[in-house]
Amino acid sequence: MRLPVFGFLYPARFALMVLAVFSIGRTYGQPSGLVPDPRLLPGCCISEEDHQYRLCITDSLVLSLYGNEAVDSGIYLLRHDTLLVRNGSRPEGSAYYLLNLSRKYLTYMWSDNGHIFVFRRGRGP
């Protein structure tokens, strides 16, 4: 039995199928199943998108700064590759999925809207 081939659609379908097969099991940032080293989390980072936006992280607190003013602060807990933060602006808490945590970069995705934030390690306040 011969399957119908729809002219120009066949190569496009094949390409999509190959792309889907090769993307299974791949993740953005850290390899799946890899738990970030919590010792790399503390420090200060500067946003790659807006250099006025900075994060300073201690062993238990996160401080968000814009310019020289504190915008928000909260207590965090690291669970596997997820940073759970409870702060004044969102007492119910927020979840941030760590995509990359290294000596040079901190990259995470905010669970509320899927926005990806890229920070480069830098100076503190």
PDB file of N, CA and C in Angstrom:
ATOM      1  N   MET A   1       0.839  -1.174   0.000  1.00  0.00           N
ATOM      2  CA  MET A   1       0.000   0.000   0.000  1.00  0.00           C
ATOM      3  C   MET A   1       0.888   1.242   0.000  1.00  0.00           C
ATOM      4  N   ARG A   2       0.590   2.137  -0.865  1.00  0.00           N
ATOM      5  CA  ARG A   2       1.394   3.343  -0.997  1.00  0.00           C
ATOM      6  C   ARG A   2       0.708   4.500  -0.280  1.00  0.00           C
ATOM      7  N   LEU A   3       1.501   5.234   0.535  1.00  0.00           N
ATOM      8  CA  LEU A   3       0.974   6.401   1.238  1.00  0.00           C
ATOM      9  C   LEU A   3       0.951   7.596   0.296  1.00  0.00           C
ATOM     10  N   PRO A   4      -0.070   8.416   0.386  1.00  0.00           N
ATOM     11  CA  PRO A   4      -0.128   9.581  -0.499  1.00  0.00           C
ATOM     12  C   PRO A   4       0.965  10.585  -0.148  1.00  0.00           C
ATOM     13  N   VAL A   5       1.543  11.149  -1.187  1.00  0.00           N
ATOM     14  CA  VAL A   5       2.547  12.191  -1.019  1.00  0.00           C
ATOM     15  C   VAL A   5       1.935  13.465  -1.574  1.00  0.00           C
ATOM     16  N   PHE A   6       1.949  14.515  -0.778  1.00  0.00           N
ATOM     17  CA  PHE A   6       1.282  15.758  -1.164  1.00  0.00           C
ATOM     18  C   PHE A   6       2.282  16.765  -1.723  1.00  0.00           C
ATOM     19  N   GLY A   7       2.998  16.389  -2.719  1.00  0.00           N
ATOM     20  CA  GLY A   7       3.908  17.283  -3.411  1.00  0.00           C
ATOM     21  C   GLY A   7       4.904  17.957  -2.487  1.00  0.00           C
ATOM     22  N   PHE A   8       4.818  19.255  -2.401  1.00  0.00           N
ATOM     23  CA  PHE A   8       5.782  20.029  -1.619  1.00  0.00           C
ATOM     24  C   PHE A   8       5.615  19.844  -0.114  1.00  0.00           C
ATOM     25  N   LEU A   9       4.486  19.311   0.368  1.00  0.00           N
ATOM     26  CA  LEU A   9       4.264  19.152   1.791  1.00  0.00           C
ATOM     27  C   LEU A   9       5.075  18.005   2.382  1.00  0.00           C
ATOM     28  N   TYR A  10       5.408  17.014   1.590  1.00  0.00           N
ATOM     29  CA  TYR A  10       6.122  15.858   2.108  1.00  0.00           C
ATOM     30  C   TYR A  10       7.473  16.241   2.709  1.00  0.00           C
ATOM     31  N   PRO A  11       8.326  17.016   2.031  1.00  0.00           N
ATOM     32  CA  PRO A  11       9.606  17.388   2.646  1.00  0.00           C
ATOM     33  C   PRO A  11       9.414  18.204   3.930  1.00  0.00           C
ATOM     34  N   ALA A  12       8.411  19.076   3.965  1.00  0.00           N
ATOM     35  CA  ALA A  12       8.167  19.885   5.160  1.00  0.00           C
ATOM     36  C   ALA A  12       7.729  18.995   6.321  1.00  0.00           C
ATOM     37  N   ARG A  13       6.856  18.035   6.056  1.00  0.00           N
ATOM     38  CA  ARG A  13       6.414  17.112   7.109  1.00  0.00           C
ATOM     39  C   ARG A  13       7.582  16.271   7.617  1.00  0.00           C
ATOM     40  N   PHE A  14       8.410  15.821   6.690  1.00  0.00           N
ATOM     41  CA  PHE A  14       9.564  15.020   7.082  1.00  0.00           C
ATOM     42  C   PHE A  14      10.509  15.838   7.962  1.00  0.00           C
ATOM     43  N   ALA A  15      10.754  17.083   7.571  1.00  0.00           N
ATOM     44  CA  ALA A  15      11.637  17.947   8.352  1.00  0.00           C
ATOM     45  C   ALA A  15      11.064  18.186   9.747  1.00  0.00           C
ATOM     46  N   LEU A  16       9.768  18.402   9.853  1.00  0.00           N
ATOM     47  CA  LEU A  16       9.140  18.595  11.152  1.00  0.00           C
ATOM     48  C   LEU A  16       9.237  17.342  12.010  1.00  0.00           C
ATOM     49  N   MET A  17       9.062  16.172  11.381  1.00  0.00           N
ATOM     50  CA  MET A  17       9.157  14.925  12.116  1.00  0.00           C
ATOM     51  C   MET A  17      10.577  14.722  12.654  1.00  0.00           C
ATOM     52  N   VAL A  18      11.577  14.983  11.817  1.00  0.00           N
ATOM     53  CA  VAL A  18      12.970  14.833  12.241  1.00  0.00           C
ATOM     54  C   VAL A  18      13.274  15.807  13.376  1.00  0.00           C
ATOM     55  N   LEU A  19      12.811  17.038  13.259  1.00  0.00           N
ATOM     56  CA  LEU A  19      13.018  18.029  14.307  1.00  0.00           C
ATOM     57  C   LEU A  19      12.366  17.588  15.615  1.00  0.00           C
ATOM     58  N   ALA A  20      11.159  17.058  15.543  1.00  0.00           N
ATOM     59  CA  ALA A  20      10.461  16.593  16.744  1.00  0.00           C
ATOM     60  C   ALA A  20      11.195  15.431  17.404  1.00  0.00           C
ATOM     61  N   VAL A  21      11.687  14.494  16.615  1.00  0.00           N
ATOM     62  CA  VAL A  21      12.383  13.336  17.161  1.00  0.00           C
ATOM     63  C   VAL A  21      13.675  13.755  17.857  1.00  0.00           C
ATOM     64  N   PHE A  22      14.444  14.658  17.235  1.00  0.00           N
ATOM     65  CA  PHE A  22      15.710  15.077  17.827  1.00  0.00           C
ATOM     66  C   PHE A  22      15.544  16.021  19.010  1.00  0.00           C
ATOM     67  N   SER A  23      14.378  16.645  19.158  1.00  0.00           N
ATOM     68  CA  SER A  23      14.187  17.559  20.280  1.00  0.00           C
ATOM     69  C   SER A  23      13.696  16.846  21.539  1.00  0.00           C
ATOM     70  N   ILE A  24      13.291  15.605  21.437  1.00  0.00           N
ATOM     71  CA  ILE A  24      12.824  14.862  22.605  1.00  0.00           C
ATOM     72  C   ILE A  24      13.985  14.655  23.561  1.00  0.00           C
ATOM     73  N   GLY A  25      13.768  14.990  24.825  1.00  0.00           N
ATOM     74  CA  GLY A  25      14.791  14.785  25.835  1.00  0.00           C
ATOM     75  C   GLY A  25      15.794  15.921  25.938  1.00  0.00           C
ATOM     76  N   ARG A  26      15.636  16.944  25.137  1.00  0.00           N
ATOM     77  CA  ARG A  26      16.547  18.077  25.199  1.00  0.00           C
ATOM     78  C   ARG A  26      15.938  19.163  26.073  1.00  0.00           C
ATOM     79  N   THR A  27      16.769  19.875  26.785  1.00  0.00           N
ATOM     80  CA  THR A  27      16.293  20.982  27.608  1.00  0.00           C
ATOM     81  C   THR A  27      17.121  22.217  27.311  1.00  0.00           C
ATOM     82  N   TYR A  28      16.547  23.371  27.599  1.00  0.00           N
ATOM     83  CA  TYR A  28      17.276  24.624  27.449  1.00  0.00           C
ATOM     84  C   TYR A  28      18.095  24.850  28.714  1.00  0.00           C
ATOM     85  N   GLY A  29      19.342  25.183  28.589  1.00  0.00           N
ATOM     86  CA  GLY A  29      20.155  25.496  29.762  1.00  0.00           C
ATOM     87  C   GLY A  29      20.807  24.266  30.346  1.00  0.00           C
ATOM     88  N   GLN A  30      20.423  23.909  31.557  1.00  0.00           N
ATOM     89  CA  GLN A  30      21.057  22.800  32.266  1.00  0.00           C
ATOM     90  C   GLN A  30      20.530  21.465  31.736  1.00  0.00           C
ATOM     91  N   PRO A  31      21.368  20.458  31.690  1.00  0.00           N
ATOM     92  CA  PRO A  31      20.898  19.142  31.289  1.00  0.00           C
ATOM     93  C   PRO A  31      19.809  18.647  32.237  1.00  0.00           C
ATOM     94  N   SER A  32      18.824  17.937  31.696  1.00  0.00           N
ATOM     95  CA  SER A  32      17.731  17.484  32.553  1.00  0.00           C
ATOM     96  C   SER A  32      18.266  16.567  33.641  1.00  0.00           C
ATOM     97  N   GLY A  33      17.695  16.693  34.813  1.00  0.00           N
ATOM     98  CA  GLY A  33      18.108  15.869  35.934  1.00  0.00           C
ATOM     99  C   GLY A  33      19.298  16.424  36.699  1.00  0.00           C
ATOM    100  N   LEU A  34      19.911  17.478  36.167  1.00  0.00           N
ATOM    101  CA  LEU A  34      21.061  18.059  36.842  1.00  0.00           C
ATOM    102  C   LEU A  34      20.588  19.068  37.873  1.00  0.00           C
ATOM    103  N   VAL A  35      20.954  18.871  39.121  1.00  0.00           N
ATOM    104  CA  VAL A  35      20.585  19.789  40.194  1.00  0.00           C
ATOM    105  C   VAL A  35      21.688  20.830  40.308  1.00  0.00           C
ATOM    106  N   PRO A  36      21.324  22.138  40.254  1.00  0.00           N
ATOM    107  CA  PRO A  36      22.353  23.168  40.338  1.00  0.00           C
ATOM    108  C   PRO A  36      23.050  23.163  41.698  1.00  0.00           C
ATOM    109  N   ASP A  37      24.288  23.563  41.695  1.00  0.00           N
ATOM    110  CA  ASP A  37      25.073  23.643  42.921  1.00  0.00           C
ATOM    111  C   ASP A  37      24.609  24.860  43.716  1.00  0.00           C
ATOM    112  N   PRO A  38      24.019  24.672  44.903  1.00  0.00           N
ATOM    113  CA  PRO A  38      23.500  25.808  45.669  1.00  0.00           C
ATOM    114  C   PRO A  38      24.588  26.785  46.111  1.00  0.00           C
ATOM    115  N   ARG A  39      25.843  26.368  46.106  1.00  0.00           N
ATOM    116  CA  ARG A  39      26.930  27.275  46.482  1.00  0.00           C
ATOM    117  C   ARG A  39      27.157  28.352  45.428  1.00  0.00           C
ATOM    118  N   LEU A  40      26.668  28.120  44.188  1.00  0.00           N
ATOM    119  CA  LEU A  40      26.833  29.103  43.118  1.00  0.00           C
ATOM    120  C   LEU A  40      25.753  30.184  43.140  1.00  0.00           C
ATOM    121  N   LEU A  41      24.688  29.974  43.904  1.00  0.00           N
ATOM    122  CA  LEU A  41      23.566  30.915  43.899  1.00  0.00           C
ATOM    123  C   LEU A  41      23.878  32.258  44.563  1.00  0.00           C
ATOM    124  N   PRO A  42      24.459  32.312  45.760  1.00  0.00           N
ATOM    125  CA  PRO A  42      24.711  33.618  46.390  1.00  0.00           C
ATOM    126  C   PRO A  42      25.655  34.487  45.566  1.00  0.00           C
ATOM    127  N   GLY A  43      25.352  35.787  45.566  1.00  0.00           N
ATOM    128  CA  GLY A  43      26.153  36.751  44.835  1.00  0.00           C
ATOM    129  C   GLY A  43      25.257  37.784  44.194  1.00  0.00           C
ATOM    130  N   CYS A  44      25.850  38.706  43.470  1.00  0.00           N
ATOM    131  CA  CYS A  44      25.092  39.745  42.775  1.00  0.00           C
ATOM    132  C   CYS A  44      25.209  39.558  41.271  1.00  0.00           C
ATOM    133  N   CYS A  45      24.107  39.853  40.576  1.00  0.00           N
ATOM    134  CA  CYS A  45      24.038  39.673  39.128  1.00  0.00           C
ATOM    135  C   CYS A  45      23.405  40.900  38.491  1.00  0.00           C
ATOM    136  N   ILE A  46      23.804  41.191  37.269  1.00  0.00           N
ATOM    137  CA  ILE A  46      23.271  42.323  36.508  1.00  0.00           C
ATOM    138  C   ILE A  46      22.530  41.761  35.304  1.00  0.00           C
ATOM    139  N   SER A  47      21.311  42.271  35.056  1.00  0.00           N
ATOM    140  CA  SER A  47      20.496  41.803  33.936  1.00  0.00           C
ATOM    141  C   SER A  47      21.173  42.131  32.614  1.00  0.00           C
ATOM    142  N   GLU A  48      21.166  41.179  31.703  1.00  0.00           N
ATOM    143  CA  GLU A  48      21.694  41.406  30.362  1.00  0.00           C
ATOM    144  C   GLU A  48      20.733  42.260  29.543  1.00  0.00           C
ATOM    145  N   GLU A  49      19.461  42.233  29.897  1.00  0.00           N
ATOM    146  CA  GLU A  49      18.432  42.963  29.155  1.00  0.00           C
ATOM    147  C   GLU A  49      18.375  44.432  29.569  1.00  0.00           C
ATOM    148  N   ASP A  50      18.500  44.704  30.866  1.00  0.00           N
ATOM    149  CA  ASP A  50      18.422  46.058  31.411  1.00  0.00           C
ATOM    150  C   ASP A  50      19.474  46.179  32.507  1.00  0.00           C
ATOM    151  N   HIS A  51      20.545  46.895  32.240  1.00  0.00           N
ATOM    152  CA  HIS A  51      21.680  46.969  33.165  1.00  0.00           C
ATOM    153  C   HIS A  51      21.362  47.699  34.474  1.00  0.00           C
ATOM    154  N   GLN A  52      20.196  48.316  34.551  1.00  0.00           N
ATOM    155  CA  GLN A  52      19.778  48.955  35.804  1.00  0.00           C
ATOM    156  C   GLN A  52      19.200  47.931  36.781  1.00  0.00           C
ATOM    157  N   TYR A  53      18.774  46.765  36.253  1.00  0.00           N
ATOM    158  CA  TYR A  53      18.131  45.737  37.079  1.00  0.00           C
ATOM    159  C   TYR A  53      19.186  44.760  37.591  1.00  0.00           C
ATOM    160  N   ARG A  54      19.239  44.611  38.926  1.00  0.00           N
ATOM    161  CA  ARG A  54      20.215  43.721  39.549  1.00  0.00           C
ATOM    162  C   ARG A  54      19.543  42.833  40.584  1.00  0.00           C
ATOM    163  N   LEU A  55      20.139  41.681  40.808  1.00  0.00           N
ATOM    164  CA  LEU A  55      19.727  40.772  41.877  1.00  0.00           C
ATOM    165  C   LEU A  55      20.914  40.549  42.797  1.00  0.00           C
ATOM    166  N   CYS A  56      20.658  40.609  44.097  1.00  0.00           N
ATOM    167  CA  CYS A  56      21.667  40.231  45.076  1.00  0.00           C
ATOM    168  C   CYS A  56      21.064  39.105  45.907  1.00  0.00           C
ATOM    169  N   ILE A  57      21.773  37.999  45.967  1.00  0.00           N
ATOM    170  CA  ILE A  57      21.269  36.793  46.623  1.00  0.00           C
ATOM    171  C   ILE A  57      22.226  36.396  47.737  1.00  0.00           C
ATOM    172  N   THR A  58      21.659  36.168  48.941  1.00  0.00           N
ATOM    173  CA  THR A  58      22.446  35.662  50.061  1.00  0.00           C
ATOM    174  C   THR A  58      22.102  34.182  50.226  1.00  0.00           C
ATOM    175  N   ASP A  59      22.417  33.608  51.381  1.00  0.00           N
ATOM    176  CA  ASP A  59      22.090  32.201  51.618  1.00  0.00           C
ATOM    177  C   ASP A  59      20.592  31.950  51.762  1.00  0.00           C
ATOM    178  N   SER A  60      19.812  32.993  52.052  1.00  0.00           N
ATOM    179  CA  SER A  60      18.370  32.786  52.230  1.00  0.00           C
ATOM    180  C   SER A  60      17.507  33.920  51.678  1.00  0.00           C
ATOM    181  N   LEU A  61      18.102  35.037  51.251  1.00  0.00           N
ATOM    182  CA  LEU A  61      17.337  36.196  50.793  1.00  0.00           C
ATOM    183  C   LEU A  61      17.673  36.570  49.356  1.00  0.00           C
ATOM    184  N   VAL A  62      16.660  37.124  48.659  1.00  0.00           N
ATOM    185  CA  VAL A  62      16.837  37.679  47.323  1.00  0.00           C
ATOM    186  C   VAL A  62      16.450  39.147  47.389  1.00  0.00           C
ATOM    187  N   LEU A  63      17.299  40.031  46.881  1.00  0.00           N
ATOM    188  CA  LEU A  63      17.031  41.461  46.852  1.00  0.00           C
ATOM    189  C   LEU A  63      17.058  41.911  45.400  1.00  0.00           C
ATOM    190  N   SER A  64      15.938  42.488  44.934  1.00  0.00           N
ATOM    191  CA  SER A  64      15.852  43.025  43.572  1.00  0.00           C
ATOM    192  C   SER A  64      16.092  44.519  43.634  1.00  0.00           C
ATOM    193  N   LEU A  65      16.999  45.005  42.800  1.00  0.00           N
ATOM    194  CA  LEU A  65      17.341  46.425  42.773  1.00  0.00           C
ATOM    195  C   LEU A  65      17.144  46.973  41.372  1.00  0.00           C
ATOM    196  N   TYR A  66      16.631  48.183  41.293  1.00  0.00           N
ATOM    197  CA  TYR A  66      16.591  48.893  40.012  1.00  0.00           C
ATOM    198  C   TYR A  66      17.283  50.223  40.240  1.00  0.00           C
ATOM    199  N   GLY A  67      18.374  50.439  39.560  1.00  0.00           N
ATOM    200  CA  GLY A  67      19.209  51.599  39.849  1.00  0.00           C
ATOM    201  C   GLY A  67      19.824  51.396  41.221  1.00  0.00           C
ATOM    202  N   ASN A  68      19.588  52.341  42.101  1.00  0.00           N
ATOM    203  CA  ASN A  68      20.099  52.229  43.465  1.00  0.00           C
ATOM    204  C   ASN A  68      18.990  51.992  44.475  1.00  0.00           C
ATOM    205  N   GLU A  69      17.792  51.686  44.006  1.00  0.00           N
ATOM    206  CA  GLU A  69      16.661  51.490  44.906  1.00  0.00           C
ATOM    207  C   GLU A  69      16.232  50.028  44.949  1.00  0.00           C
ATOM    208  N   ALA A  70      15.934  49.566  46.167  1.00  0.00           N
ATOM    209  CA  ALA A  70      15.420  48.201  46.341  1.00  0.00           C
ATOM    210  C   ALA A  70      13.980  48.162  45.851  1.00  0.00           C
ATOM    211  N   VAL A  71      13.686  47.245  44.937  1.00  0.00           N
ATOM    212  CA  VAL A  71      12.350  47.099  44.383  1.00  0.00           C
ATOM    213  C   VAL A  71      11.566  46.061  45.167  1.00  0.00           C
ATOM    214  N   ASP A  72      12.228  44.976  45.525  1.00  0.00           N
ATOM    215  CA  ASP A  72      11.564  43.886  46.242  1.00  0.00           C
ATOM    216  C   ASP A  72      12.619  43.030  46.936  1.00  0.00           C
ATOM    217  N   SER A  73      12.171  42.304  47.931  1.00  0.00           N
ATOM    218  CA  SER A  73      13.055  41.356  48.610  1.00  0.00           C
ATOM    219  C   SER A  73      12.207  40.190  49.078  1.00  0.00           C
ATOM    220  N   GLY A  74      12.833  39.052  49.258  1.00  0.00           N
ATOM    221  CA  GLY A  74      12.092  37.877  49.689  1.00  0.00           C
ATOM    222  C   GLY A  74      12.996  36.768  50.182  1.00  0.00           C
ATOM    223  N   ILE A  75      12.358  35.807  50.795  1.00  0.00           N
ATOM    224  CA  ILE A  75      13.039  34.614  51.289  1.00  0.00           C
ATOM    225  C   ILE A  75      12.892  33.539  50.219  1.00  0.00           C
ATOM    226  N   TYR A  76      13.959  32.801  49.960  1.00  0.00           N
ATOM    227  CA  TYR A  76      13.879  31.766  48.938  1.00  0.00           C
ATOM    228  C   TYR A  76      14.263  30.396  49.476  1.00  0.00           C
ATOM    229  N   LEU A  77      13.832  29.402  48.729  1.00  0.00           N
ATOM    230  CA  LEU A  77      14.172  28.011  48.999  1.00  0.00           C
ATOM    231  C   LEU A  77      14.486  27.374  47.654  1.00  0.00           C
ATOM    232  N   LEU A  78      15.597  26.691  47.557  1.00  0.00           N
ATOM    233  CA  LEU A  78      15.986  26.020  46.310  1.00  0.00           C
ATOM    234  C   LEU A  78      15.551  24.565  46.385  1.00  0.00           C
ATOM    235  N   ARG A  79      14.683  24.164  45.464  1.00  0.00           N
ATOM    236  CA  ARG A  79      14.216  22.776  45.353  1.00  0.00           C
ATOM    237  C   ARG A  79      14.600  22.252  43.984  1.00  0.00           C
ATOM    238  N   HIS A  80      15.576  21.367  43.947  1.00  0.00           N
ATOM    239  CA  HIS A  80      16.106  20.818  42.687  1.00  0.00           C
ATOM    240  C   HIS A  80      16.523  21.975  41.784  1.00  0.00           C
ATOM    241  N   ASP A  81      15.812  22.199  40.670  1.00  0.00           N
ATOM    242  CA  ASP A  81      16.168  23.298  39.767  1.00  0.00           C
ATOM    243  C   ASP A  81      15.149  24.437  39.837  1.00  0.00           C
ATOM    244  N   THR A  82      14.378  24.505  40.920  1.00  0.00           N
ATOM    245  CA  THR A  82      13.353  25.530  41.080  1.00  0.00           C
ATOM    246  C   THR A  82      13.643  26.386  42.301  1.00  0.00           C
ATOM    247  N   LEU A  83      13.597  27.685  42.092  1.00  0.00           N
ATOM    248  CA  LEU A  83      13.782  28.641  43.165  1.00  0.00           C
ATOM    249  C   LEU A  83      12.392  29.122  43.591  1.00  0.00           C
ATOM    250  N   LEU A  84      11.999  28.809  44.809  1.00  0.00           N
ATOM    251  CA  LEU A  84      10.707  29.227  45.347  1.00  0.00           C
ATOM    252  C   LEU A  84      10.928  30.466  46.194  1.00  0.00           C
ATOM    253  N   VAL A  85      10.251  31.565  45.856  1.00  0.00           N
ATOM    254  CA  VAL A  85      10.459  32.842  46.539  1.00  0.00           C
ATOM    255  C   VAL A  85       9.145  33.347  47.108  1.00  0.00           C
ATOM    256  N   ARG A  86       9.184  33.733  48.369  1.00  0.00           N
ATOM    257  CA  ARG A  86       8.041  34.375  49.019  1.00  0.00           C
ATOM    258  C   ARG A  86       8.492  35.771  49.415  1.00  0.00           C
ATOM    259  N   ASN A  87       7.756  36.795  48.930  1.00  0.00           N
ATOM    260  CA  ASN A  87       8.149  38.174  49.217  1.00  0.00           C
ATOM    261  C   ASN A  87       6.937  39.040  49.527  1.00  0.00           C
ATOM    262  N   GLY A  88       7.186  40.323  49.796  1.00  0.00           N
ATOM    263  CA  GLY A  88       6.125  41.243  50.172  1.00  0.00           C
ATOM    264  C   GLY A  88       5.122  41.500  49.068  1.00  0.00           C
ATOM    265  N   SER A  89       5.583  41.578  47.823  1.00  0.00           N
ATOM    266  CA  SER A  89       4.665  41.865  46.728  1.00  0.00           C
ATOM    267  C   SER A  89       3.834  40.643  46.329  1.00  0.00           C
ATOM    268  N   ARG A  90       4.319  39.444  46.620  1.00  0.00           N
ATOM    269  CA  ARG A  90       3.592  38.209  46.297  1.00  0.00           C
ATOM    270  C   ARG A  90       3.706  37.246  47.463  1.00  0.00           C
ATOM    271  N   PRO A  91       2.893  37.441  48.510  1.00  0.00           N
ATOM    272  CA  PRO A  91       3.003  36.566  49.686  1.00  0.00           C
ATOM    273  C   PRO A  91       2.682  35.106  49.387  1.00  0.00           C
ATOM    274  N   GLU A  92       1.946  34.843  48.297  1.00  0.00           N
ATOM    275  CA  GLU A  92       1.647  33.449  47.944  1.00  0.00           C
ATOM    276  C   GLU A  92       2.855  32.753  47.344  1.00  0.00           C
ATOM    277  N   GLY A  93       3.840  33.539  46.933  1.00  0.00           N
ATOM    278  CA  GLY A  93       5.080  32.967  46.427  1.00  0.00           C
ATOM    279  C   GLY A  93       5.138  32.905  44.913  1.00  0.00           C
ATOM    280  N   SER A  94       6.331  32.759  44.410  1.00  0.00           N
ATOM    281  CA  SER A  94       6.592  32.630  42.979  1.00  0.00           C
ATOM    282  C   SER A  94       7.604  31.518  42.772  1.00  0.00           C
ATOM    283  N   ALA A  95       7.559  30.927  41.586  1.00  0.00           N
ATOM    284  CA  ALA A  95       8.513  29.878  41.236  1.00  0.00           C
ATOM    285  C   ALA A  95       9.334  30.336  40.032  1.00  0.00           C
ATOM    286  N   TYR A  96      10.631  30.110  40.117  1.00  0.00           N
ATOM    287  CA  TYR A  96      11.556  30.442  39.049  1.00  0.00           C
ATOM    288  C   TYR A  96      12.347  29.177  38.722  1.00  0.00           C
ATOM    289  N   TYR A  97      12.325  28.769  37.453  1.00  0.00           N
ATOM    290  CA  TYR A  97      13.031  27.562  37.029  1.00  0.00           C
ATOM    291  C   TYR A  97      14.436  27.946  36.572  1.00  0.00           C
ATOM    292  N   LEU A  98      15.440  27.431  37.260  1.00  0.00           N
ATOM    293  CA  LEU A  98      16.826  27.738  36.912  1.00  0.00           C
ATOM    294  C   LEU A  98      17.205  27.000  35.636  1.00  0.00           C
ATOM    295  N   LEU A  99      17.589  27.756  34.633  1.00  0.00           N
ATOM    296  CA  LEU A  99      17.997  27.173  33.361  1.00  0.00           C
ATOM    297  C   LEU A  99      19.513  27.059  33.258  1.00  0.00           C
ATOM    298  N   ASN A 100      20.214  27.992  33.897  1.00  0.00           N
ATOM    299  CA  ASN A 100      21.668  27.963  33.895  1.00  0.00           C
ATOM    300  C   ASN A 100      22.151  28.639  35.174  1.00  0.00           C
ATOM    301  N   LEU A 101      23.002  27.970  35.881  1.00  0.00           N
ATOM    302  CA  LEU A 101      23.600  28.531  37.094  1.00  0.00           C
ATOM    303  C   LEU A 101      25.083  28.210  37.049  1.00  0.00           C
ATOM    304  N   SER A 102      25.880  29.244  36.813  1.00  0.00           N
ATOM    305  CA  SER A 102      27.320  29.046  36.711  1.00  0.00           C
ATOM    306  C   SER A 102      28.027  30.209  37.412  1.00  0.00           C
ATOM    307  N   ARG A 103      29.337  30.177  37.382  1.00  0.00           N
ATOM    308  CA  ARG A 103      30.101  31.266  37.997  1.00  0.00           C
ATOM    309  C   ARG A 103      29.928  32.567  37.210  1.00  0.00           C
ATOM    310  N   LYS A 104      29.535  32.470  35.952  1.00  0.00           N
ATOM    311  CA  LYS A 104      29.432  33.642  35.088  1.00  0.00           C
ATOM    312  C   LYS A 104      27.991  34.104  34.861  1.00  0.00           C
ATOM    313  N   TYR A 105      27.032  33.154  34.827  1.00  0.00           N
ATOM    314  CA  TYR A 105      25.649  33.495  34.494  1.00  0.00           C
ATOM    315  C   TYR A 105      24.642  32.871  35.458  1.00  0.00           C
ATOM    316  N   LEU A 106      23.507  33.560  35.565  1.00  0.00           N
ATOM    317  CA  LEU A 106      22.315  33.033  36.229  1.00  0.00           C
ATOM    318  C   LEU A 106      21.177  33.268  35.252  1.00  0.00           C
ATOM    319  N   THR A 107      20.558  32.198  34.792  1.00  0.00           N
ATOM    320  CA  THR A 107      19.450  32.297  33.857  1.00  0.00           C
ATOM    321  C   THR A 107      18.280  31.536  34.439  1.00  0.00           C
ATOM    322  N   TYR A 108      17.112  32.182  34.460  1.00  0.00           N
ATOM    323  CA  TYR A 108      15.929  31.516  34.991  1.00  0.00           C
ATOM    324  C   TYR A 108      14.691  31.901  34.197  1.00  0.00           C
ATOM    325  N   MET A 109      13.663  31.072  34.320  1.00  0.00           N
ATOM    326  CA  MET A 109      12.382  31.341  33.684  1.00  0.00           C
ATOM    327  C   MET A 109      11.344  31.532  34.768  1.00  0.00           C
ATOM    328  N   TRP A 110      10.609  32.630  34.695  1.00  0.00           N
ATOM    329  CA  TRP A 110       9.551  32.914  35.651  1.00  0.00           C
ATOM    330  C   TRP A 110       8.348  32.081  35.277  1.00  0.00           C
ATOM    331  N   SER A 111       7.833  31.299  36.234  1.00  0.00           N
ATOM    332  CA  SER A 111       6.747  30.360  35.940  1.00  0.00           C
ATOM    333  C   SER A 111       5.440  31.048  35.596  1.00  0.00           C
ATOM    334  N   ASP A 112       5.222  32.275  36.057  1.00  0.00           N
ATOM    335  CA  ASP A 112       3.950  32.964  35.794  1.00  0.00           C
ATOM    336  C   ASP A 112       3.726  33.273  34.321  1.00  0.00           C
ATOM    337  N   ASN A 113       4.769  33.724  33.627  1.00  0.00           N
ATOM    338  CA  ASN A 113       4.567  34.120  32.229  1.00  0.00           C
ATOM    339  C   ASN A 113       5.570  33.507  31.256  1.00  0.00           C
ATOM    340  N   GLY A 114       6.514  32.728  31.751  1.00  0.00           N
ATOM    341  CA  GLY A 114       7.478  32.070  30.872  1.00  0.00           C
ATOM    342  C   GLY A 114       8.614  32.962  30.403  1.00  0.00           C
ATOM    343  N   HIS A 115       8.685  34.193  30.915  1.00  0.00           N
ATOM    344  CA  HIS A 115       9.761  35.102  30.512  1.00  0.00           C
ATOM    345  C   HIS A 115      11.096  34.570  31.029  1.00  0.00           C
ATOM    346  N   ILE A 116      12.110  34.628  30.187  1.00  0.00           N
ATOM    347  CA  ILE A 116      13.435  34.149  30.556  1.00  0.00           C
ATOM    348  C   ILE A 116      14.324  35.352  30.880  1.00  0.00           C
ATOM    349  N   PHE A 117      14.938  35.323  32.047  1.00  0.00           N
ATOM    350  CA  PHE A 117      15.830  36.376  32.510  1.00  0.00           C
ATOM    351  C   PHE A 117      17.261  35.854  32.491  1.00  0.00           C
ATOM    352  N   VAL A 118      18.153  36.641  31.922  1.00  0.00           N
ATOM    353  CA  VAL A 118      19.576  36.273  31.870  1.00  0.00           C
ATOM    354  C   VAL A 118      20.350  37.331  32.661  1.00  0.00           C
ATOM    355  N   PHE A 119      21.089  36.882  33.657  1.00  0.00           N
ATOM    356  CA  PHE A 119      21.902  37.760  34.492  1.00  0.00           C
ATOM    357  C   PHE A 119      23.350  37.347  34.382  1.00  0.00           C
ATOM    358  N   ARG A 120      24.224  38.333  34.383  1.00  0.00           N
ATOM    359  CA  ARG A 120      25.659  38.091  34.390  1.00  0.00           C
ATOM    360  C   ARG A 120      26.186  38.477  35.771  1.00  0.00           C
ATOM    361  N   ARG A 121      27.036  37.627  36.314  1.00  0.00           N
ATOM    362  CA  ARG A 121      27.618  37.920  37.626  1.00  0.00           C
ATOM    363  C   ARG A 121      28.349  39.254  37.558  1.00  0.00           C
ATOM    364  N   GLY A 122      28.132  40.068  38.590  1.00  0.00           N
ATOM    365  CA  GLY A 122      28.759  41.390  38.590  1.00  0.00           C
ATOM    366  C   GLY A 122      28.884  41.929  40.001  1.00  0.00           C
ATOM    367  N   ARG A 123      29.046  43.229  40.065  1.00  0.00           N
ATOM    368  CA  ARG A 123      29.214  43.889  41.355  1.00  0.00           C
ATOM    369  C   ARG A 123      27.893  44.031  42.087  1.00  0.00           C
ATOM    370  N   GLY A 124      27.984  44.150  43.393  1.00  0.00           N
ATOM    371  CA  GLY A 124      26.815  44.341  44.245  1.00  0.00           C
ATOM    372  C   GLY A 124      26.370  45.782  44.268  1.00  0.00           C
ATOM    373  N   PRO A 125      25.466  46.104  45.197  1.00  0.00           N
ATOM    374  CA  PRO A 125      24.910  47.463  45.266  1.00  0.00           C
ATOM    375  C   PRO A 125      25.928  48.522  45.608  1.00  0.00           C
TER     376      PRO A 125
END
